[in-house]
Amino acid sequence: MRALLIEDSQHILTLIKIVLMRPDIEFIEAPSMQQAREHEDVDVVVIGAKHPVKPTTDLIREFASRSPAPAIVALTTDHRSGSTQKILDAGADRVVAMPFKADELRKAACSSTREKNDG
């Protein structure tokens, strides 16, 4: 499985990789949205949702419109329901609030990927 991690904080990238680490996962790091757009063949996208949320939702829409579309998990520090709904409406499969629990992120990424593969 190929996992694209879109996050500009190296600390958060490292944490995500530790949480999701499995022998069958190849991690691709993209510290910028522009670098993220270069990667076509991925199974799951974990994206740090930044403020303002619009550039993030635009990128989520791009990934969600690909065929086949990867599973998309967005990490956000904005816990307002309006922001979460915008992210989901853009095409994210799951939104995980930061700070997150390891099991919560692992479950979101794995279940979203399974749902995309089964669907």
N, C-alpha and C. Protein backbone atom coordinates (compact mmCIF):
# COMPACT_ATOMS: atom_id res chain seq x y z
N MET A 1 0.85 -1.17 0.00
CA MET A 1 0.00 0.00 0.00
C MET A 1 0.89 1.24 0.00
N ARG A 2 0.51 2.21 -0.80
CA ARG A 2 1.25 3.48 -0.86
C ARG A 2 0.46 4.56 -0.15
N ALA A 3 1.10 5.20 0.83
CA ALA A 3 0.44 6.23 1.63
C ALA A 3 1.14 7.56 1.39
N LEU A 4 0.38 8.54 0.91
CA LEU A 4 0.88 9.88 0.68
C LEU A 4 0.57 10.72 1.91
N LEU A 5 1.60 11.27 2.54
CA LEU A 5 1.46 12.08 3.74
C LEU A 5 1.73 13.53 3.37
N ILE A 6 0.70 14.36 3.48
CA ILE A 6 0.81 15.78 3.10
C ILE A 6 0.76 16.60 4.37
N GLU A 7 1.92 17.09 4.76
CA GLU A 7 2.04 17.83 6.01
C GLU A 7 3.35 18.60 5.98
N ASP A 8 3.32 19.88 6.38
CA ASP A 8 4.55 20.67 6.32
C ASP A 8 5.38 20.58 7.60
N SER A 9 4.86 19.99 8.65
CA SER A 9 5.60 19.83 9.89
C SER A 9 6.30 18.47 9.91
N GLN A 10 7.62 18.48 9.98
CA GLN A 10 8.37 17.23 10.01
C GLN A 10 8.03 16.40 11.25
N HIS A 11 7.75 17.06 12.36
CA HIS A 11 7.37 16.34 13.58
C HIS A 11 6.07 15.56 13.38
N ILE A 12 5.09 16.20 12.77
CA ILE A 12 3.81 15.54 12.54
C ILE A 12 3.98 14.41 11.52
N LEU A 13 4.77 14.64 10.47
CA LEU A 13 5.03 13.58 9.48
C LEU A 13 5.63 12.35 10.15
N THR A 14 6.61 12.58 11.01
CA THR A 14 7.26 11.47 11.70
C THR A 14 6.26 10.74 12.59
N LEU A 15 5.44 11.48 13.30
CA LEU A 15 4.43 10.87 14.16
C LEU A 15 3.44 10.02 13.36
N ILE A 16 2.98 10.55 12.23
CA ILE A 16 2.04 9.80 11.38
C ILE A 16 2.69 8.50 10.90
N LYS A 17 3.93 8.58 10.47
CA LYS A 17 4.62 7.38 9.99
C LYS A 17 4.78 6.35 11.10
N ILE A 18 5.10 6.79 12.30
CA ILE A 18 5.23 5.86 13.43
C ILE A 18 3.89 5.17 13.71
N VAL A 19 2.82 5.95 13.71
CA VAL A 19 1.49 5.42 14.01
C VAL A 19 1.03 4.42 12.94
N LEU A 20 1.29 4.73 11.67
CA LEU A 20 0.79 3.89 10.58
C LEU A 20 1.79 2.81 10.13
N MET A 21 2.95 2.75 10.74
CA MET A 21 4.02 1.86 10.30
C MET A 21 3.58 0.40 10.23
N ARG A 22 3.72 -0.16 9.03
CA ARG A 22 3.51 -1.58 8.77
C ARG A 22 4.45 -1.96 7.64
N PRO A 23 4.85 -3.23 7.58
CA PRO A 23 5.79 -3.63 6.53
C PRO A 23 5.27 -3.44 5.12
N ASP A 24 3.94 -3.46 4.95
CA ASP A 24 3.38 -3.37 3.60
C ASP A 24 3.05 -1.94 3.17
N ILE A 25 3.46 -0.94 3.96
CA ILE A 25 3.16 0.46 3.61
C ILE A 25 4.42 1.17 3.14
N GLU A 26 4.33 1.77 1.97
CA GLU A 26 5.38 2.64 1.45
C GLU A 26 4.91 4.07 1.68
N PHE A 27 5.69 4.84 2.43
CA PHE A 27 5.32 6.22 2.72
C PHE A 27 5.94 7.17 1.71
N ILE A 28 5.14 8.11 1.27
CA ILE A 28 5.61 9.18 0.39
C ILE A 28 5.30 10.48 1.11
N GLU A 29 6.32 11.27 1.37
CA GLU A 29 6.14 12.53 2.08
C GLU A 29 6.03 13.68 1.09
N ALA A 30 5.06 14.55 1.34
CA ALA A 30 4.88 15.75 0.52
C ALA A 30 4.66 16.93 1.47
N PRO A 31 5.70 17.70 1.71
CA PRO A 31 5.56 18.82 2.63
C PRO A 31 4.78 20.00 2.07
N SER A 32 4.42 19.95 0.79
CA SER A 32 3.64 21.04 0.21
C SER A 32 2.54 20.46 -0.68
N MET A 33 1.51 21.26 -0.89
CA MET A 33 0.41 20.82 -1.75
C MET A 33 0.88 20.61 -3.18
N GLN A 34 1.80 21.46 -3.65
CA GLN A 34 2.31 21.32 -5.01
C GLN A 34 3.04 19.98 -5.17
N GLN A 35 3.86 19.61 -4.19
CA GLN A 35 4.56 18.32 -4.26
C GLN A 35 3.56 17.16 -4.20
N ALA A 36 2.49 17.33 -3.45
CA ALA A 36 1.49 16.27 -3.34
C ALA A 36 0.84 15.98 -4.68
N ARG A 37 0.62 17.00 -5.48
CA ARG A 37 -0.05 16.85 -6.78
C ARG A 37 0.77 15.98 -7.74
N GLU A 38 2.06 15.84 -7.50
CA GLU A 38 2.94 15.08 -8.38
C GLU A 38 2.74 13.57 -8.24
N HIS A 39 2.08 13.12 -7.20
CA HIS A 39 1.97 11.69 -6.93
C HIS A 39 0.60 11.17 -7.35
N GLU A 40 0.63 10.25 -8.31
CA GLU A 40 -0.61 9.75 -8.91
C GLU A 40 -1.10 8.46 -8.26
N ASP A 41 -0.24 7.49 -8.13
CA ASP A 41 -0.64 6.14 -7.76
C ASP A 41 -0.49 5.92 -6.26
N VAL A 42 -1.49 6.37 -5.49
CA VAL A 42 -1.47 6.17 -4.04
C VAL A 42 -2.79 5.56 -3.59
N ASP A 43 -2.72 4.82 -2.49
CA ASP A 43 -3.90 4.14 -1.97
C ASP A 43 -4.60 4.94 -0.89
N VAL A 44 -3.82 5.69 -0.13
CA VAL A 44 -4.39 6.50 0.95
C VAL A 44 -3.63 7.82 1.02
N VAL A 45 -4.37 8.88 1.30
CA VAL A 45 -3.80 10.21 1.49
C VAL A 45 -4.14 10.65 2.90
N VAL A 46 -3.11 11.04 3.66
CA VAL A 46 -3.32 11.65 4.97
C VAL A 46 -2.86 13.08 4.83
N ILE A 47 -3.78 14.02 5.02
CA ILE A 47 -3.49 15.42 4.78
C ILE A 47 -3.76 16.25 6.02
N GLY A 48 -2.82 17.11 6.35
CA GLY A 48 -3.01 18.06 7.44
C GLY A 48 -3.84 19.22 6.92
N ALA A 49 -5.04 19.38 7.44
CA ALA A 49 -5.94 20.45 6.99
C ALA A 49 -5.53 21.76 7.65
N LYS A 50 -5.10 22.69 6.84
CA LYS A 50 -4.60 23.98 7.33
C LYS A 50 -5.68 25.04 7.23
N HIS A 51 -5.39 26.16 7.84
CA HIS A 51 -6.30 27.32 7.77
C HIS A 51 -5.64 28.39 6.91
N PRO A 52 -6.31 28.99 5.98
CA PRO A 52 -7.72 28.75 5.68
C PRO A 52 -7.91 27.37 5.07
N VAL A 53 -9.08 26.82 5.23
CA VAL A 53 -9.35 25.45 4.83
C VAL A 53 -9.51 25.30 3.31
N LYS A 54 -9.80 26.37 2.58
CA LYS A 54 -10.08 26.27 1.14
C LYS A 54 -8.95 25.61 0.33
N PRO A 55 -7.67 26.00 0.49
CA PRO A 55 -6.65 25.29 -0.30
C PRO A 55 -6.62 23.78 0.00
N THR A 56 -6.89 23.42 1.23
CA THR A 56 -6.91 22.00 1.60
C THR A 56 -8.09 21.30 0.94
N THR A 57 -9.26 21.91 0.98
CA THR A 57 -10.43 21.27 0.37
C THR A 57 -10.29 21.18 -1.14
N ASP A 58 -9.64 22.15 -1.75
CA ASP A 58 -9.38 22.08 -3.20
C ASP A 58 -8.51 20.86 -3.52
N LEU A 59 -7.47 20.64 -2.72
CA LEU A 59 -6.58 19.50 -2.95
C LEU A 59 -7.32 18.19 -2.68
N ILE A 60 -8.13 18.15 -1.65
CA ILE A 60 -8.93 16.95 -1.37
C ILE A 60 -9.83 16.64 -2.55
N ARG A 61 -10.48 17.66 -3.12
CA ARG A 61 -11.34 17.45 -4.30
C ARG A 61 -10.55 16.86 -5.46
N GLU A 62 -9.33 17.35 -5.65
CA GLU A 62 -8.49 16.83 -6.74
C GLU A 62 -8.23 15.33 -6.55
N PHE A 63 -7.84 14.95 -5.35
CA PHE A 63 -7.57 13.53 -5.10
C PHE A 63 -8.84 12.70 -5.17
N ALA A 64 -9.94 13.21 -4.65
CA ALA A 64 -11.21 12.47 -4.65
C ALA A 64 -11.74 12.24 -6.07
N SER A 65 -11.37 13.12 -7.01
CA SER A 65 -11.86 12.99 -8.38
C SER A 65 -11.00 12.05 -9.23
N ARG A 66 -9.88 11.59 -8.69
CA ARG A 66 -9.03 10.68 -9.46
C ARG A 66 -9.70 9.31 -9.58
N SER A 67 -9.28 8.58 -10.59
CA SER A 67 -9.81 7.24 -10.77
C SER A 67 -8.65 6.26 -10.90
N PRO A 68 -8.50 5.35 -9.96
CA PRO A 68 -9.32 5.20 -8.76
C PRO A 68 -8.93 6.25 -7.71
N ALA A 69 -9.89 6.65 -6.94
CA ALA A 69 -9.66 7.65 -5.90
C ALA A 69 -9.04 6.97 -4.67
N PRO A 70 -8.03 7.60 -4.09
CA PRO A 70 -7.46 7.04 -2.86
C PRO A 70 -8.39 7.31 -1.68
N ALA A 71 -8.21 6.57 -0.62
CA ALA A 71 -8.87 6.90 0.64
C ALA A 71 -8.23 8.18 1.16
N ILE A 72 -9.03 9.09 1.70
CA ILE A 72 -8.51 10.38 2.16
C ILE A 72 -8.87 10.59 3.61
N VAL A 73 -7.84 10.81 4.43
CA VAL A 73 -8.01 11.11 5.85
C VAL A 73 -7.42 12.48 6.10
N ALA A 74 -8.22 13.38 6.64
CA ALA A 74 -7.76 14.74 6.94
C ALA A 74 -7.56 14.90 8.44
N LEU A 75 -6.44 15.49 8.81
CA LEU A 75 -6.15 15.82 10.20
C LEU A 75 -6.42 17.30 10.39
N THR A 76 -7.15 17.65 11.44
CA THR A 76 -7.47 19.07 11.64
C THR A 76 -7.41 19.47 13.10
N THR A 77 -7.02 20.70 13.32
CA THR A 77 -7.06 21.27 14.67
C THR A 77 -8.31 22.11 14.87
N ASP A 78 -9.05 22.31 13.79
CA ASP A 78 -10.29 23.10 13.85
C ASP A 78 -11.45 22.14 14.11
N HIS A 79 -11.95 22.15 15.32
CA HIS A 79 -12.96 21.19 15.73
C HIS A 79 -14.39 21.67 15.48
N ARG A 80 -14.54 22.82 14.84
CA ARG A 80 -15.88 23.32 14.54
C ARG A 80 -16.54 22.43 13.49
N SER A 81 -17.80 22.17 13.67
CA SER A 81 -18.50 21.25 12.77
C SER A 81 -18.54 21.77 11.33
N GLY A 82 -18.58 23.10 11.15
CA GLY A 82 -18.62 23.66 9.81
C GLY A 82 -17.36 23.33 9.02
N SER A 83 -16.20 23.43 9.66
CA SER A 83 -14.94 23.10 9.00
C SER A 83 -14.86 21.61 8.67
N THR A 84 -15.27 20.79 9.62
CA THR A 84 -15.27 19.35 9.40
C THR A 84 -16.18 18.99 8.23
N GLN A 85 -17.34 19.60 8.17
CA GLN A 85 -18.28 19.30 7.09
C GLN A 85 -17.72 19.73 5.74
N LYS A 86 -17.04 20.88 5.68
CA LYS A 86 -16.43 21.32 4.42
C LYS A 86 -15.41 20.30 3.92
N ILE A 87 -14.63 19.77 4.85
CA ILE A 87 -13.61 18.78 4.49
C ILE A 87 -14.27 17.50 3.98
N LEU A 88 -15.31 17.04 4.66
CA LEU A 88 -16.03 15.84 4.22
C LEU A 88 -16.72 16.08 2.88
N ASP A 89 -17.33 17.25 2.71
CA ASP A 89 -18.00 17.57 1.45
C ASP A 89 -17.03 17.62 0.28
N ALA A 90 -15.78 17.96 0.56
CA ALA A 90 -14.76 18.02 -0.50
C ALA A 90 -14.36 16.63 -0.97
N GLY A 91 -14.64 15.60 -0.14
CA GLY A 91 -14.33 14.24 -0.56
C GLY A 91 -13.49 13.43 0.40
N ALA A 92 -13.17 14.00 1.56
CA ALA A 92 -12.43 13.22 2.56
C ALA A 92 -13.32 12.10 3.08
N ASP A 93 -12.73 10.95 3.34
CA ASP A 93 -13.47 9.83 3.89
C ASP A 93 -13.61 9.93 5.40
N ARG A 94 -12.59 10.49 6.03
CA ARG A 94 -12.58 10.64 7.49
C ARG A 94 -11.88 11.94 7.86
N VAL A 95 -12.31 12.51 8.97
CA VAL A 95 -11.63 13.67 9.56
C VAL A 95 -11.23 13.26 10.97
N VAL A 96 -9.96 13.44 11.29
CA VAL A 96 -9.44 13.09 12.61
C VAL A 96 -8.96 14.37 13.27
N ALA A 97 -9.48 14.61 14.48
CA ALA A 97 -9.12 15.82 15.23
C ALA A 97 -7.74 15.66 15.86
N MET A 98 -6.96 16.72 15.78
CA MET A 98 -5.66 16.75 16.44
C MET A 98 -5.80 17.49 17.76
N PRO A 99 -5.12 17.08 18.79
CA PRO A 99 -4.22 15.93 18.80
C PRO A 99 -5.02 14.63 18.71
N PHE A 100 -4.48 13.67 17.99
CA PHE A 100 -5.20 12.42 17.77
C PHE A 100 -4.58 11.31 18.61
N LYS A 101 -5.39 10.29 18.84
CA LYS A 101 -4.90 9.07 19.48
C LYS A 101 -4.41 8.15 18.37
N ALA A 102 -3.34 7.42 18.63
CA ALA A 102 -2.74 6.56 17.62
C ALA A 102 -3.76 5.60 17.03
N ASP A 103 -4.55 4.96 17.87
CA ASP A 103 -5.54 4.00 17.37
C ASP A 103 -6.59 4.67 16.49
N GLU A 104 -6.93 5.91 16.82
CA GLU A 104 -7.93 6.63 16.03
C GLU A 104 -7.44 6.88 14.61
N LEU A 105 -6.19 7.34 14.47
CA LEU A 105 -5.64 7.58 13.13
C LEU A 105 -5.46 6.27 12.38
N ARG A 106 -4.94 5.27 13.04
CA ARG A 106 -4.73 3.97 12.41
C ARG A 106 -6.06 3.41 11.90
N LYS A 107 -7.09 3.47 12.73
CA LYS A 107 -8.40 2.96 12.34
C LYS A 107 -8.98 3.75 11.17
N ALA A 108 -8.86 5.08 11.20
CA ALA A 108 -9.39 5.92 10.12
C ALA A 108 -8.71 5.59 8.80
N ALA A 109 -7.40 5.46 8.80
CA ALA A 109 -6.67 5.19 7.56
C ALA A 109 -6.97 3.79 7.03
N CYS A 110 -6.96 2.81 7.92
CA CYS A 110 -7.18 1.43 7.49
C CYS A 110 -8.61 1.19 7.05
N SER A 111 -9.59 1.68 7.80
CA SER A 111 -10.99 1.44 7.42
C SER A 111 -11.35 2.19 6.15
N SER A 112 -10.82 3.40 5.98
CA SER A 112 -11.09 4.15 4.75
C SER A 112 -10.52 3.44 3.54
N THR A 113 -9.32 2.89 3.68
CA THR A 113 -8.68 2.17 2.58
C THR A 113 -9.46 0.91 2.24
N ARG A 114 -9.89 0.18 3.26
CA ARG A 114 -10.69 -1.03 3.04
C ARG A 114 -11.99 -0.71 2.32
N GLU A 115 -12.66 0.37 2.76
CA GLU A 115 -13.93 0.76 2.14
C GLU A 115 -13.74 1.11 0.68
N LYS A 116 -12.65 1.80 0.34
CA LYS A 116 -12.39 2.16 -1.06
C LYS A 116 -12.12 0.90 -1.88
N ASN A 117 -11.36 -0.04 -1.30
CA ASN A 117 -11.03 -1.26 -2.04
C ASN A 117 -12.23 -2.18 -2.19
N ASP A 118 -13.12 -2.19 -1.20
CA ASP A 118 -14.30 -3.05 -1.25
C ASP A 118 -15.40 -2.45 -2.12
N GLY A 119 -15.41 -1.10 -2.21
CA GLY A 119 -16.48 -0.39 -2.92
C GLY A 119 -16.28 -0.46 -4.37
